Protein backbone atom coordinates (compact mmCIF):
# COMPACT_ATOMS: atom_id res chain seq x y z
CA MET A 1 11.86 22.67 22.70
CA GLU A 2 8.24 21.49 22.90
CA THR A 3 5.74 22.29 20.14
CA LEU A 4 2.22 23.09 21.29
CA ILE A 5 -0.63 21.61 19.33
CA ASN A 6 -3.64 23.81 18.89
CA PRO A 7 -6.70 21.61 18.29
CA GLN A 8 -8.77 24.50 16.91
CA GLU A 9 -6.12 25.21 14.26
CA ILE A 10 -5.97 21.56 13.31
CA MET A 11 -9.73 21.45 12.94
CA LYS A 12 -9.74 24.60 10.76
CA LYS A 13 -7.08 23.08 8.53
CA LEU A 14 -8.95 19.75 8.30
CA ILE A 15 -12.16 21.53 7.34
CA LYS A 16 -10.36 23.50 4.67
CA LEU A 17 -8.65 20.38 3.39
CA GLN A 18 -11.98 18.50 3.24
CA ALA A 19 -13.53 21.39 1.31
CA ASP A 20 -10.67 21.29 -1.19
CA VAL A 21 -10.96 17.51 -1.60
CA ASP A 22 -14.73 17.82 -2.09
CA PHE A 23 -14.18 20.54 -4.76
CA ILE A 24 -11.67 18.34 -6.61
CA LYS A 25 -13.93 15.32 -6.49
CA ASN A 26 -16.93 17.30 -7.74
CA ASN A 27 -14.97 18.88 -10.59
CA MET A 28 -12.90 15.94 -11.79
CA VAL A 29 -13.25 15.05 -15.43
CA ASP A 30 -13.22 11.44 -16.52
CA ILE A 31 -10.89 11.52 -19.52
CA ASP A 32 -12.02 8.11 -20.72
CA TYR A 33 -15.56 9.45 -20.99
CA ILE A 34 -14.44 12.39 -23.18
CA LEU A 35 -11.87 10.72 -25.43
CA ASP A 36 -12.87 8.44 -28.29
CA GLU A 37 -10.81 5.45 -29.44
CA ASP A 38 -8.74 7.51 -31.89
CA ASP A 39 -7.90 10.04 -29.16
CA ARG A 40 -6.85 7.28 -26.78
CA GLU A 41 -4.60 5.71 -29.43
CA ALA A 42 -3.00 9.08 -30.27
CA LEU A 43 -2.35 9.68 -26.59
CA ARG A 44 -0.88 6.21 -26.17
CA LEU A 45 1.46 6.77 -29.13
CA ALA A 46 2.46 10.22 -27.89
CA GLU A 47 3.30 8.81 -24.40
CA GLU A 48 5.34 6.00 -26.00
CA GLU A 49 7.27 8.50 -28.16
CA TYR A 50 7.94 10.62 -25.03
CA ARG A 51 9.22 7.61 -23.08
CA ASN A 52 11.45 6.64 -26.01
CA GLY A 53 12.97 10.15 -26.16
CA GLU A 54 11.48 10.77 -29.61
CA THR A 55 9.97 14.15 -28.73
CA ILE A 56 11.38 17.61 -28.39
CA SER A 57 10.54 20.49 -26.07
CA HIS A 58 8.30 23.36 -27.02
CA GLU A 59 11.35 25.67 -26.96
CA GLU A 60 13.26 23.41 -29.32
CA LEU A 61 10.26 23.30 -31.71
CA LYS A 62 10.01 27.10 -31.72
CA LYS A 63 13.71 27.36 -32.59
CA GLU A 64 13.28 24.86 -35.42
CA LEU A 65 10.36 26.80 -36.85
CA GLU A 66 12.03 30.20 -36.76
CA LEU A 67 12.98 31.56 -40.19
């Protein structure tokens, strides 16, 4: 079965996609600009702990903190 390609629909989707990309580009936040050296180090350590399996989920933490 052949699929028909509608050029007008493709153009509409491309225009919408470009608008979405433009919005994202205009609203992106440069994390390195916001974070200071202490923040970057804390983030690096947290990511390392996560990779090493040294963290627990939010649900596990809530269970641990329940009385």
